[in-house]
Each structure stands twice: as structure tokens, then as C-alpha cells.
């Protein structure tokens, strides 16, 4: 599940059958074909999950928040999912307010970052 605000939930419910998102499945497949990327069967959703993680972090998202959104128990898995340049992840961890908490120190140390 994806956490959303109460306001967004109420907007979605108020649509009453209206398509909230347009179907982009065929557009995505078209782009994949143009780039000659071939995915194993059933991997489309997985790729979109990685794409979400990368864009979340590049937009200034918090790596620990992303870990919770993706449901990962290990921060290293979240870092692999985000597949960003190490400096993006270091910055996210360094400026994360949770990194200064005792439990945050353990997380930061585990990935080689000194808060």
C-alpha cells in the first residue's frame, strides 16, 4: 500500500468511477521498444517501482521514508532500489534529521556515512 493524505483519499473517493490516472501501459511499452530494452516477462511493474524510487530520491525524498514506502527491512536494499550516484544517497543520509538520532547513527554507519 502507498500512504496518502486524508484529503487525497477523499478526492479519489469523490471521483466515483472516474479514471484518476490515464493508462500509460502501452506508452511505456512503446518507449521500451524504441530504446531496445527487453524486460523479462512480468518485470514491467518492478521497473516502475525502481523508477519511482529513483525519482523520489532525486526530488529530495528521504531515504528512510523511501525505505518505509517500499517496505524494505534493510536500508542497503533501498539504496540498491534507488540506484543513484553515491553522492545523492550520501547527501540524503547526511542531511536527514533522523541521522542524528541514536538509531540514525547506526543506519548512517551501516552505509558508511558519518552524520
PDB file of N, CA and C in Angstrom:
ATOM      1  N   UNK A   1       0.835  -1.184   0.000  1.00  0.00           N
ATOM      2  CA  UNK A   1       0.000   0.000   0.000  1.00  0.00           C
ATOM      3  C   UNK A   1       0.877   1.244   0.000  1.00  0.00           C
ATOM      4  N   UNK A   2       0.319   2.331  -0.448  1.00  0.00           N
ATOM      5  CA  UNK A   2       1.033   3.603  -0.510  1.00  0.00           C
ATOM      6  C   UNK A   2       0.333   4.574   0.422  1.00  0.00           C
ATOM      7  N   UNK A   3       1.087   5.167   1.349  1.00  0.00           N
ATOM      8  CA  UNK A   3       0.445   6.126   2.255  1.00  0.00           C
ATOM      9  C   UNK A   3       0.026   7.392   1.507  1.00  0.00           C
ATOM     10  N   UNK A   4      -1.199   7.843   1.738  1.00  0.00           N
ATOM     11  CA  UNK A   4      -1.683   9.091   1.136  1.00  0.00           C
ATOM     12  C   UNK A   4      -2.396   9.909   2.205  1.00  0.00           C
ATOM     13  N   UNK A   5      -2.519  11.180   1.926  1.00  0.00           N
ATOM     14  CA  UNK A   5      -3.196  12.060   2.879  1.00  0.00           C
ATOM     15  C   UNK A   5      -4.702  11.798   2.866  1.00  0.00           C
ATOM     16  N   UNK A   6      -5.354  12.220   3.930  1.00  0.00           N
ATOM     17  CA  UNK A   6      -6.806  12.077   4.027  1.00  0.00           C
ATOM     18  C   UNK A   6      -7.483  12.869   2.909  1.00  0.00           C
ATOM     19  N   UNK A   7      -6.936  14.054   2.603  1.00  0.00           N
ATOM     20  CA  UNK A   7      -7.511  14.904   1.555  1.00  0.00           C
ATOM     21  C   UNK A   7      -7.456  14.214   0.193  1.00  0.00           C
ATOM     22  N   UNK A   8      -6.307  13.592  -0.123  1.00  0.00           N
ATOM     23  CA  UNK A   8      -6.182  12.891  -1.398  1.00  0.00           C
ATOM     24  C   UNK A   8      -7.137  11.702  -1.446  1.00  0.00           C
ATOM     25  N   UNK A   9      -7.241  10.975  -0.355  1.00  0.00           N
ATOM     26  CA  UNK A   9      -8.168   9.849  -0.289  1.00  0.00           C
ATOM     27  C   UNK A   9      -9.593  10.311  -0.596  1.00  0.00           C
ATOM     28  N   UNK A  10      -9.996  11.407   0.021  1.00  0.00           N
ATOM     29  CA  UNK A  10     -11.355  11.919  -0.192  1.00  0.00           C
ATOM     30  C   UNK A  10     -11.569  12.362  -1.636  1.00  0.00           C
ATOM     31  N   UNK A  11     -10.535  12.948  -2.259  1.00  0.00           N
ATOM     32  CA  UNK A  11     -10.645  13.334  -3.676  1.00  0.00           C
ATOM     33  C   UNK A  11     -10.834  12.109  -4.559  1.00  0.00           C
ATOM     34  N   UNK A  12     -10.069  11.066  -4.288  1.00  0.00           N
ATOM     35  CA  UNK A  12     -10.156   9.846  -5.092  1.00  0.00           C
ATOM     36  C   UNK A  12     -11.535   9.213  -4.952  1.00  0.00           C
ATOM     37  N   UNK A  13     -12.029   9.118  -3.734  1.00  0.00           N
ATOM     38  CA  UNK A  13     -13.352   8.532  -3.485  1.00  0.00           C
ATOM     39  C   UNK A  13     -14.441   9.353  -4.178  1.00  0.00           C
ATOM     40  N   UNK A  14     -14.284  10.677  -4.187  1.00  0.00           N
ATOM     41  CA  UNK A  14     -15.287  11.557  -4.794  1.00  0.00           C
ATOM     42  C   UNK A  14     -15.368  11.379  -6.311  1.00  0.00           C
ATOM     43  N   UNK A  15     -14.346  10.827  -6.928  1.00  0.00           N
ATOM     44  CA  UNK A  15     -14.356  10.643  -8.379  1.00  0.00           C
ATOM     45  C   UNK A  15     -15.373   9.590  -8.807  1.00  0.00           C
ATOM     46  N   UNK A  16     -15.720   8.676  -7.927  1.00  0.00           N
ATOM     47  CA  UNK A  16     -16.773   7.692  -8.147  1.00  0.00           C
ATOM     48  C   UNK A  16     -16.723   7.041  -9.533  1.00  0.00           C
ATOM     49  N   UNK A  17     -15.679   6.269  -9.756  1.00  0.00           N
ATOM     50  CA  UNK A  17     -15.579   5.526 -11.002  1.00  0.00           C
ATOM     51  C   UNK A  17     -14.796   6.224 -12.100  1.00  0.00           C
ATOM     52  N   UNK A  18     -14.523   7.500 -11.940  1.00  0.00           N
ATOM     53  CA  UNK A  18     -13.734   8.231 -12.927  1.00  0.00           C
ATOM     54  C   UNK A  18     -12.298   7.731 -12.874  1.00  0.00           C
ATOM     55  N   UNK A  19     -11.671   7.563 -14.035  1.00  0.00           N
ATOM     56  CA  UNK A  19     -10.279   7.125 -14.060  1.00  0.00           C
ATOM     57  C   UNK A  19      -9.396   8.247 -13.527  1.00  0.00           C
ATOM     58  N   UNK A  20      -8.759   7.994 -12.413  1.00  0.00           N
ATOM     59  CA  UNK A  20      -7.903   9.001 -11.779  1.00  0.00           C
ATOM     60  C   UNK A  20      -6.610   9.180 -12.563  1.00  0.00           C
ATOM     61  N   UNK A  21      -6.060   8.061 -13.051  1.00  0.00           N
ATOM     62  CA  UNK A  21      -4.827   8.097 -13.831  1.00  0.00           C
ATOM     63  C   UNK A  21      -5.129   7.593 -15.237  1.00  0.00           C
ATOM     64  N   UNK A  22      -4.453   8.148 -16.214  1.00  0.00           N
ATOM     65  CA  UNK A  22      -4.607   7.628 -17.568  1.00  0.00           C
ATOM     66  C   UNK A  22      -3.787   6.347 -17.684  1.00  0.00           C
ATOM     67  N   UNK A  23      -4.177   5.490 -18.582  1.00  0.00           N
ATOM     68  CA  UNK A  23      -3.475   4.237 -18.797  1.00  0.00           C
ATOM     69  C   UNK A  23      -2.217   4.519 -19.611  1.00  0.00           C
ATOM     70  N   UNK A  24      -1.073   4.269 -19.027  1.00  0.00           N
ATOM     71  CA  UNK A  24       0.186   4.555 -19.728  1.00  0.00           C
ATOM     72  C   UNK A  24       0.931   3.274 -20.087  1.00  0.00           C
ATOM     73  N   UNK A  25       0.285   2.133 -19.936  1.00  0.00           N
ATOM     74  CA  UNK A  25       0.929   0.848 -20.189  1.00  0.00           C
ATOM     75  C   UNK A  25       1.499   0.775 -21.607  1.00  0.00           C
ATOM     76  N   UNK A  26       0.674   1.093 -22.601  1.00  0.00           N
ATOM     77  CA  UNK A  26       1.131   0.972 -23.987  1.00  0.00           C
ATOM     78  C   UNK A  26       2.163   2.040 -24.337  1.00  0.00           C
ATOM     79  N   UNK A  27       2.042   3.203 -23.737  1.00  0.00           N
ATOM     80  CA  UNK A  27       3.049   4.242 -23.950  1.00  0.00           C
ATOM     81  C   UNK A  27       4.394   3.781 -23.387  1.00  0.00           C
ATOM     82  N   UNK A  28       4.371   3.179 -22.215  1.00  0.00           N
ATOM     83  CA  UNK A  28       5.596   2.667 -21.606  1.00  0.00           C
ATOM     84  C   UNK A  28       6.210   1.581 -22.485  1.00  0.00           C
ATOM     85  N   UNK A  29       5.386   0.660 -22.984  1.00  0.00           N
ATOM     86  CA  UNK A  29       5.891  -0.396 -23.868  1.00  0.00           C
ATOM     87  C   UNK A  29       6.501   0.194 -25.132  1.00  0.00           C
ATOM     88  N   UNK A  30       5.876   1.237 -25.665  1.00  0.00           N
ATOM     89  CA  UNK A  30       6.387   1.895 -26.866  1.00  0.00           C
ATOM     90  C   UNK A  30       7.780   2.478 -26.620  1.00  0.00           C
ATOM     91  N   UNK A  31       7.945   3.128 -25.497  1.00  0.00           N
ATOM     92  CA  UNK A  31       9.252   3.705 -25.152  1.00  0.00           C
ATOM     93  C   UNK A  31      10.279   2.594 -24.964  1.00  0.00           C
ATOM     94  N   UNK A  32       9.888   1.511 -24.327  1.00  0.00           N
ATOM     95  CA  UNK A  32      10.802   0.387 -24.128  1.00  0.00           C
ATOM     96  C   UNK A  32      11.257  -0.178 -25.474  1.00  0.00           C
ATOM     97  N   UNK A  33      10.340  -0.299 -26.423  1.00  0.00           N
ATOM     98  CA  UNK A  33      10.692  -0.813 -27.746  1.00  0.00           C
ATOM     99  C   UNK A  33      11.642   0.134 -28.470  1.00  0.00           C
ATOM    100  N   UNK A  34      11.385   1.437 -28.384  1.00  0.00           N
ATOM    101  CA  UNK A  34      12.238   2.427 -29.054  1.00  0.00           C
ATOM    102  C   UNK A  34      13.661   2.421 -28.507  1.00  0.00           C
ATOM    103  N   UNK A  35      13.814   2.085 -27.233  1.00  0.00           N
ATOM    104  CA  UNK A  35      15.143   2.071 -26.625  1.00  0.00           C
ATOM    105  C   UNK A  35      15.793   0.697 -26.692  1.00  0.00           C
ATOM    106  N   UNK A  36      15.116  -0.252 -27.294  1.00  0.00           N
ATOM    107  CA  UNK A  36      15.604  -1.631 -27.434  1.00  0.00           C
ATOM    108  C   UNK A  36      15.817  -2.326 -26.094  1.00  0.00           C
ATOM    109  N   UNK A  37      15.123  -1.874 -25.074  1.00  0.00           N
ATOM    110  CA  UNK A  37      15.213  -2.530 -23.772  1.00  0.00           C
ATOM    111  C   UNK A  37      14.229  -3.690 -23.763  1.00  0.00           C
ATOM    112  N   UNK A  38      14.735  -4.857 -23.429  1.00  0.00           N
ATOM    113  CA  UNK A  38      13.889  -6.043 -23.358  1.00  0.00           C
ATOM    114  C   UNK A  38      13.847  -6.495 -21.902  1.00  0.00           C
ATOM    115  N   UNK A  39      12.654  -6.529 -21.355  1.00  0.00           N
ATOM    116  CA  UNK A  39      12.474  -6.960 -19.968  1.00  0.00           C
ATOM    117  C   UNK A  39      11.985  -8.394 -19.929  1.00  0.00           C
ATOM    118  N   UNK A  40      12.417  -9.143 -18.916  1.00  0.00           N
ATOM    119  CA  UNK A  40      11.825 -10.471 -18.736  1.00  0.00           C
ATOM    120  C   UNK A  40      10.327 -10.328 -18.481  1.00  0.00           C
ATOM    121  N   UNK A  41       9.574 -11.317 -18.871  1.00  0.00           N
ATOM    122  CA  UNK A  41       8.124 -11.287 -18.698  1.00  0.00           C
ATOM    123  C   UNK A  41       7.768 -10.999 -17.233  1.00  0.00           C
ATOM    124  N   UNK A  42       6.833 -10.084 -17.029  1.00  0.00           N
ATOM    125  CA  UNK A  42       6.361  -9.772 -15.688  1.00  0.00           C
ATOM    126  C   UNK A  42       7.195  -8.756 -14.923  1.00  0.00           C
ATOM    127  N   UNK A  43       8.172  -8.129 -15.568  1.00  0.00           N
ATOM    128  CA  UNK A  43       9.058  -7.205 -14.860  1.00  0.00           C
ATOM    129  C   UNK A  43       8.676  -5.735 -15.007  1.00  0.00           C
ATOM    130  N   UNK A  44       7.630  -5.429 -15.759  1.00  0.00           N
ATOM    131  CA  UNK A  44       7.247  -4.036 -16.002  1.00  0.00           C
ATOM    132  C   UNK A  44       6.966  -3.287 -14.701  1.00  0.00           C
ATOM    133  N   UNK A  45       6.191  -3.876 -13.825  1.00  0.00           N
ATOM    134  CA  UNK A  45       5.862  -3.235 -12.554  1.00  0.00           C
ATOM    135  C   UNK A  45       7.111  -3.043 -11.711  1.00  0.00           C
ATOM    136  N   UNK A  46       8.002  -4.007 -11.746  1.00  0.00           N
ATOM    137  CA  UNK A  46       9.239  -3.923 -10.973  1.00  0.00           C
ATOM    138  C   UNK A  46      10.093  -2.744 -11.446  1.00  0.00           C
ATOM    139  N   UNK A  47      10.172  -2.553 -12.748  1.00  0.00           N
ATOM    140  CA  UNK A  47      10.926  -1.425 -13.305  1.00  0.00           C
ATOM    141  C   UNK A  47      10.298  -0.109 -12.866  1.00  0.00           C
ATOM    142  N   UNK A  48       8.982  -0.028 -12.886  1.00  0.00           N
ATOM    143  CA  UNK A  48       8.308   1.199 -12.457  1.00  0.00           C
ATOM    144  C   UNK A  48       8.568   1.472 -10.977  1.00  0.00           C
ATOM    145  N   UNK A  49       8.680   0.423 -10.180  1.00  0.00           N
ATOM    146  CA  UNK A  49       8.992   0.583  -8.754  1.00  0.00           C
ATOM    147  C   UNK A  49      10.389   1.190  -8.583  1.00  0.00           C
ATOM    148  N   UNK A  50      11.352   0.698  -9.355  1.00  0.00           N
ATOM    149  CA  UNK A  50      12.706   1.267  -9.320  1.00  0.00           C
ATOM    150  C   UNK A  50      12.686   2.717  -9.792  1.00  0.00           C
ATOM    151  N   UNK A  51      11.926   2.992 -10.839  1.00  0.00           N
ATOM    152  CA  UNK A  51      11.828   4.353 -11.367  1.00  0.00           C
ATOM    153  C   UNK A  51      11.243   5.288 -10.320  1.00  0.00           C
ATOM    154  N   UNK A  52      10.194   4.849  -9.640  1.00  0.00           N
ATOM    155  CA  UNK A  52       9.616   5.660  -8.567  1.00  0.00           C
ATOM    156  C   UNK A  52      10.670   5.962  -7.516  1.00  0.00           C
ATOM    157  N   UNK A  53      11.415   4.941  -7.092  1.00  0.00           N
ATOM    158  CA  UNK A  53      12.424   5.119  -6.044  1.00  0.00           C
ATOM    159  C   UNK A  53      13.479   6.134  -6.469  1.00  0.00           C
ATOM    160  N   UNK A  54      13.951   6.035  -7.702  1.00  0.00           N
ATOM    161  CA  UNK A  54      14.972   6.965  -8.188  1.00  0.00           C
ATOM    162  C   UNK A  54      14.434   8.390  -8.238  1.00  0.00           C
ATOM    163  N   UNK A  55      13.244   8.568  -8.773  1.00  0.00           N
ATOM    164  CA  UNK A  55      12.666   9.916  -8.867  1.00  0.00           C
ATOM    165  C   UNK A  55      12.336  10.487  -7.491  1.00  0.00           C
ATOM    166  N   UNK A  56      11.912   9.643  -6.574  1.00  0.00           N
ATOM    167  CA  UNK A  56      11.631  10.082  -5.203  1.00  0.00           C
ATOM    168  C   UNK A  56      12.894  10.681  -4.590  1.00  0.00           C
ATOM    169  N   UNK A  57      14.018   9.989  -4.746  1.00  0.00           N
ATOM    170  CA  UNK A  57      15.271  10.471  -4.166  1.00  0.00           C
ATOM    171  C   UNK A  57      15.792  11.703  -4.899  1.00  0.00           C
ATOM    172  N   UNK A  58      15.716  11.728  -6.222  1.00  0.00           N
ATOM    173  CA  UNK A  58      16.211  12.886  -6.978  1.00  0.00           C
ATOM    174  C   UNK A  58      15.375  14.129  -6.726  1.00  0.00           C
ATOM    175  N   UNK A  59      14.148  13.936  -6.262  1.00  0.00           N
ATOM    176  CA  UNK A  59      13.281  15.076  -5.946  1.00  0.00           C
ATOM    177  C   UNK A  59      13.441  15.525  -4.499  1.00  0.00           C
ATOM    178  N   UNK A  60      14.426  14.969  -3.817  1.00  0.00           N
ATOM    179  CA  UNK A  60      14.696  15.387  -2.448  1.00  0.00           C
ATOM    180  C   UNK A  60      14.065  14.515  -1.391  1.00  0.00           C
ATOM    181  N   UNK A  61      13.561  13.353  -1.780  1.00  0.00           N
ATOM    182  CA  UNK A  61      12.947  12.446  -0.813  1.00  0.00           C
ATOM    183  C   UNK A  61      13.944  11.928   0.203  1.00  0.00           C
ATOM    184  N   UNK A  62      13.430  11.485   1.303  1.00  0.00           N
ATOM    185  CA  UNK A  62      14.224  10.975   2.412  1.00  0.00           C
ATOM    186  C   UNK A  62      14.422   9.472   2.227  1.00  0.00           C
ATOM    187  N   UNK A  63      15.678   9.014   2.287  1.00  0.00           N
ATOM    188  CA  UNK A  63      15.976   7.600   2.058  1.00  0.00           C
ATOM    189  C   UNK A  63      15.276   6.698   3.076  1.00  0.00           C
ATOM    190  N   UNK A  64      15.130   7.179   4.319  1.00  0.00           N
ATOM    191  CA  UNK A  64      14.447   6.374   5.334  1.00  0.00           C
ATOM    192  C   UNK A  64      12.946   6.324   5.080  1.00  0.00           C
ATOM    193  N   UNK A  65      12.394   7.417   4.572  1.00  0.00           N
ATOM    194  CA  UNK A  65      10.975   7.407   4.196  1.00  0.00           C
ATOM    195  C   UNK A  65      10.767   6.452   3.027  1.00  0.00           C
ATOM    196  N   UNK A  66      11.680   6.489   2.056  1.00  0.00           N
ATOM    197  CA  UNK A  66      11.583   5.586   0.908  1.00  0.00           C
ATOM    198  C   UNK A  66      11.666   4.131   1.361  1.00  0.00           C
ATOM    199  N   UNK A  67      12.532   3.860   2.311  1.00  0.00           N
ATOM    200  CA  UNK A  67      12.649   2.504   2.850  1.00  0.00           C
ATOM    201  C   UNK A  67      11.301   2.025   3.377  1.00  0.00           C
ATOM    202  N   UNK A  68      10.606   2.889   4.088  1.00  0.00           N
ATOM    203  CA  UNK A  68       9.296   2.512   4.639  1.00  0.00           C
ATOM    204  C   UNK A  68       8.255   2.356   3.533  1.00  0.00           C
ATOM    205  N   UNK A  69       8.271   3.265   2.558  1.00  0.00           N
ATOM    206  CA  UNK A  69       7.312   3.190   1.450  1.00  0.00           C
ATOM    207  C   UNK A  69       7.464   1.872   0.693  1.00  0.00           C
ATOM    208  N   UNK A  70       8.722   1.488   0.435  1.00  0.00           N
ATOM    209  CA  UNK A  70       8.976   0.267  -0.326  1.00  0.00           C
ATOM    210  C   UNK A  70       8.848  -0.993   0.531  1.00  0.00           C
ATOM    211  N   UNK A  71       8.802  -0.818   1.856  1.00  0.00           N
ATOM    212  CA  UNK A  71       8.654  -1.968   2.743  1.00  0.00           C
ATOM    213  C   UNK A  71       9.926  -2.772   2.933  1.00  0.00           C
ATOM    214  N   UNK A  72      11.078  -2.128   2.763  1.00  0.00           N
ATOM    215  CA  UNK A  72      12.348  -2.827   2.939  1.00  0.00           C
ATOM    216  C   UNK A  72      12.750  -2.852   4.411  1.00  0.00           C
ATOM    217  N   UNK A  73      13.298  -3.958   4.850  1.00  0.00           N
ATOM    218  CA  UNK A  73      13.802  -4.061   6.222  1.00  0.00           C
ATOM    219  C   UNK A  73      15.242  -3.567   6.298  1.00  0.00           C
ATOM    220  N   UNK A  74      15.973  -3.651   5.202  1.00  0.00           N
ATOM    221  CA  UNK A  74      17.389  -3.289   5.176  1.00  0.00           C
ATOM    222  C   UNK A  74      17.585  -2.048   4.307  1.00  0.00           C
ATOM    223  N   UNK A  75      18.220  -1.020   4.856  1.00  0.00           N
ATOM    224  CA  UNK A  75      18.446   0.233   4.123  1.00  0.00           C
ATOM    225  C   UNK A  75      19.291  -0.004   2.872  1.00  0.00           C
ATOM    226  N   UNK A  76      20.162  -1.021   2.898  1.00  0.00           N
ATOM    227  CA  UNK A  76      21.002  -1.301   1.728  1.00  0.00           C
ATOM    228  C   UNK A  76      20.150  -1.709   0.527  1.00  0.00           C
ATOM    229  N   UNK A  77      19.074  -2.428   0.773  1.00  0.00           N
ATOM    230  CA  UNK A  77      18.163  -2.807  -0.316  1.00  0.00           C
ATOM    231  C   UNK A  77      17.527  -1.556  -0.910  1.00  0.00           C
ATOM    232  N   UNK A  78      17.141  -0.623  -0.061  1.00  0.00           N
ATOM    233  CA  UNK A  78      16.534   0.624  -0.534  1.00  0.00           C
ATOM    234  C   UNK A  78      17.532   1.403  -1.376  1.00  0.00           C
ATOM    235  N   UNK A  79      18.787   1.418  -0.957  1.00  0.00           N
ATOM    236  CA  UNK A  79      19.818   2.127  -1.715  1.00  0.00           C
ATOM    237  C   UNK A  79      20.009   1.489  -3.086  1.00  0.00           C
ATOM    238  N   UNK A  80      19.947   0.168  -3.153  1.00  0.00           N
ATOM    239  CA  UNK A  80      20.052  -0.502  -4.460  1.00  0.00           C
ATOM    240  C   UNK A  80      18.851  -0.154  -5.329  1.00  0.00           C
ATOM    241  N   UNK A  81      17.677  -0.109  -4.717  1.00  0.00           N
ATOM    242  CA  UNK A  81      16.460   0.220  -5.460  1.00  0.00           C
ATOM    243  C   UNK A  81      16.540   1.615  -6.051  1.00  0.00           C
ATOM    244  N   UNK A  82      17.065   2.556  -5.288  1.00  0.00           N
ATOM    245  CA  UNK A  82      17.128   3.940  -5.747  1.00  0.00           C
ATOM    246  C   UNK A  82      18.174   4.109  -6.847  1.00  0.00           C
ATOM    247  N   UNK A  83      19.117   3.174  -6.948  1.00  0.00           N
ATOM    248  CA  UNK A  83      20.199   3.144  -7.936  1.00  0.00           C
ATOM    249  C   UNK A  83      20.630   4.530  -8.420  1.00  0.00           C
ATOM    250  N   UNK A  84      21.035   5.331  -7.463  1.00  0.00           N
ATOM    251  CA  UNK A  84      21.519   6.670  -7.769  1.00  0.00           C
ATOM    252  C   UNK A  84      23.024   6.714  -7.592  1.00  0.00           C
ATOM    253  N   UNK A  85      23.610   7.798  -8.056  1.00  0.00           N
ATOM    254  CA  UNK A  85      25.021   8.019  -7.802  1.00  0.00           C
ATOM    255  C   UNK A  85      25.209   8.091  -6.287  1.00  0.00           C
ATOM    256  N   UNK A  86      26.314   7.556  -5.776  1.00  0.00           N
ATOM    257  CA  UNK A  86      26.517   7.542  -4.326  1.00  0.00           C
ATOM    258  C   UNK A  86      26.378   8.912  -3.665  1.00  0.00           C
ATOM    259  N   UNK A  87      26.719   9.994  -4.364  1.00  0.00           N
ATOM    260  CA  UNK A  87      26.629  11.316  -3.734  1.00  0.00           C
ATOM    261  C   UNK A  87      25.182  11.700  -3.422  1.00  0.00           C
ATOM    262  N   UNK A  88      24.218  11.250  -4.228  1.00  0.00           N
ATOM    263  CA  UNK A  88      22.811  11.520  -3.916  1.00  0.00           C
ATOM    264  C   UNK A  88      22.422  10.864  -2.595  1.00  0.00           C
ATOM    265  N   UNK A  89      22.850   9.624  -2.437  1.00  0.00           N
ATOM    266  CA  UNK A  89      22.489   8.888  -1.231  1.00  0.00           C
ATOM    267  C   UNK A  89      23.219   9.435  -0.016  1.00  0.00           C
ATOM    268  N   UNK A  90      24.487   9.797  -0.194  1.00  0.00           N
ATOM    269  CA  UNK A  90      25.240  10.371   0.919  1.00  0.00           C
ATOM    270  C   UNK A  90      24.592  11.665   1.384  1.00  0.00           C
ATOM    271  N   UNK A  91      24.204  12.499   0.440  1.00  0.00           N
ATOM    272  CA  UNK A  91      23.555  13.762   0.787  1.00  0.00           C
ATOM    273  C   UNK A  91      22.243  13.506   1.510  1.00  0.00           C
ATOM    274  N   UNK A  92      21.472  12.556   1.004  1.00  0.00           N
ATOM    275  CA  UNK A  92      20.185  12.244   1.635  1.00  0.00           C
ATOM    276  C   UNK A  92      20.385  11.778   3.069  1.00  0.00           C
ATOM    277  N   UNK A  93      21.382  10.958   3.287  1.00  0.00           N
ATOM    278  CA  UNK A  93      21.627  10.471   4.642  1.00  0.00           C
ATOM    279  C   UNK A  93      22.243  11.549   5.531  1.00  0.00           C
ATOM    280  N   UNK A  94      23.156  12.326   4.967  1.00  0.00           N
ATOM    281  CA  UNK A  94      23.844  13.347   5.765  1.00  0.00           C
ATOM    282  C   UNK A  94      22.875  14.411   6.266  1.00  0.00           C
ATOM    283  N   UNK A  95      21.943  14.841   5.423  1.00  0.00           N
ATOM    284  CA  UNK A  95      21.033  15.918   5.802  1.00  0.00           C
ATOM    285  C   UNK A  95      19.712  15.419   6.381  1.00  0.00           C
ATOM    286  N   UNK A  96      19.594  14.133   6.534  1.00  0.00           N
ATOM    287  CA  UNK A  96      18.391  13.556   7.114  1.00  0.00           C
ATOM    288  C   UNK A  96      18.396  13.829   8.615  1.00  0.00           C
ATOM    289  N   UNK A  97      17.392  14.517   9.145  1.00  0.00           N
ATOM    290  CA  UNK A  97      17.375  14.815  10.576  1.00  0.00           C
ATOM    291  C   UNK A  97      17.398  13.565  11.448  1.00  0.00           C
ATOM    292  N   UNK A  98      16.884  12.466  10.926  1.00  0.00           N
ATOM    293  CA  UNK A  98      16.880  11.230  11.708  1.00  0.00           C
ATOM    294  C   UNK A  98      18.284  10.658  11.882  1.00  0.00           C
ATOM    295  N   UNK A  99      19.220  11.077  11.026  1.00  0.00           N
ATOM    296  CA  UNK A  99      20.581  10.555  11.102  1.00  0.00           C
ATOM    297  C   UNK A  99      21.279  10.975  12.392  1.00  0.00           C
ATOM    298  N   UNK A 100      20.801  12.009  13.055  1.00  0.00           N
ATOM    299  CA  UNK A 100      21.431  12.465  14.293  1.00  0.00           C
ATOM    300  C   UNK A 100      20.892  11.740  15.522  1.00  0.00           C
ATOM    301  N   UNK A 101      19.826  10.991  15.358  1.00  0.00           N
ATOM    302  CA  UNK A 101      19.274  10.224  16.471  1.00  0.00           C
ATOM    303  C   UNK A 101      20.121   8.979  16.704  1.00  0.00           C
ATOM    304  N   UNK A 102      20.112   8.427  17.906  1.00  0.00           N
ATOM    305  CA  UNK A 102      20.919   7.231  18.176  1.00  0.00           C
ATOM    306  C   UNK A 102      20.688   6.105  17.169  1.00  0.00           C
ATOM    307  N   UNK A 103      19.437   5.822  16.819  1.00  0.00           N
ATOM    308  CA  UNK A 103      19.184   4.758  15.840  1.00  0.00           C
ATOM    309  C   UNK A 103      19.635   5.191  14.455  1.00  0.00           C
ATOM    310  N   UNK A 104      19.568   6.493  14.164  1.00  0.00           N
ATOM    311  CA  UNK A 104      20.026   7.014  12.876  1.00  0.00           C
ATOM    312  C   UNK A 104      21.519   6.863  12.712  1.00  0.00           C
ATOM    313  N   UNK A 105      22.271   6.999  13.830  1.00  0.00           N
ATOM    314  CA  UNK A 105      23.719   6.813  13.773  1.00  0.00           C
ATOM    315  C   UNK A 105      24.049   5.412  13.282  1.00  0.00           C
ATOM    316  N   UNK A 106      23.278   4.423  13.743  1.00  0.00           N
ATOM    317  CA  UNK A 106      23.513   3.043  13.329  1.00  0.00           C
ATOM    318  C   UNK A 106      23.248   2.881  11.839  1.00  0.00           C
ATOM    319  N   UNK A 107      22.183   3.512  11.348  1.00  0.00           N
ATOM    320  CA  UNK A 107      21.852   3.424   9.922  1.00  0.00           C
ATOM    321  C   UNK A 107      22.946   4.087   9.104  1.00  0.00           C
ATOM    322  N   UNK A 108      23.338   5.300   9.505  1.00  0.00           N
ATOM    323  CA  UNK A 108      24.347   6.042   8.754  1.00  0.00           C
ATOM    324  C   UNK A 108      25.669   5.284   8.744  1.00  0.00           C
ATOM    325  N   UNK A 109      26.070   4.721   9.877  1.00  0.00           N
ATOM    326  CA  UNK A 109      27.318   3.979   9.965  1.00  0.00           C
ATOM    327  C   UNK A 109      27.268   2.726   9.100  1.00  0.00           C
ATOM    328  N   UNK A 110      26.118   2.080   9.056  1.00  0.00           N
ATOM    329  CA  UNK A 110      25.974   0.841   8.288  1.00  0.00           C
ATOM    330  C   UNK A 110      26.221   1.052   6.806  1.00  0.00           C
ATOM    331  N   UNK A 111      25.954   2.240   6.302  1.00  0.00           N
ATOM    332  CA  UNK A 111      26.163   2.505   4.880  1.00  0.00           C
ATOM    333  C   UNK A 111      27.410   3.342   4.640  1.00  0.00           C
ATOM    334  N   UNK A 112      28.222   3.538   5.684  1.00  0.00           N
ATOM    335  CA  UNK A 112      29.494   4.224   5.531  1.00  0.00           C
ATOM    336  C   UNK A 112      29.412   5.732   5.517  1.00  0.00           C
ATOM    337  N   UNK A 113      28.403   6.315   6.096  1.00  0.00           N
ATOM    338  CA  UNK A 113      28.233   7.766   6.124  1.00  0.00           C
ATOM    339  C   UNK A 113      28.393   8.236   7.558  1.00  0.00           C
ATOM    340  N   UNK A 114      29.151   9.300   7.732  1.00  0.00           N
ATOM    341  CA  UNK A 114      29.267   9.890   9.059  1.00  0.00           C
ATOM    342  C   UNK A 114      28.332  11.074   9.132  1.00  0.00           C
ATOM    343  N   UNK A 115      27.323  11.012  10.008  1.00  0.00           N
ATOM    344  CA  UNK A 115      26.370  12.132  10.086  1.00  0.00           C
ATOM    345  C   UNK A 115      27.030  13.383  10.631  1.00  0.00           C
TER     346      UNK A 115
END
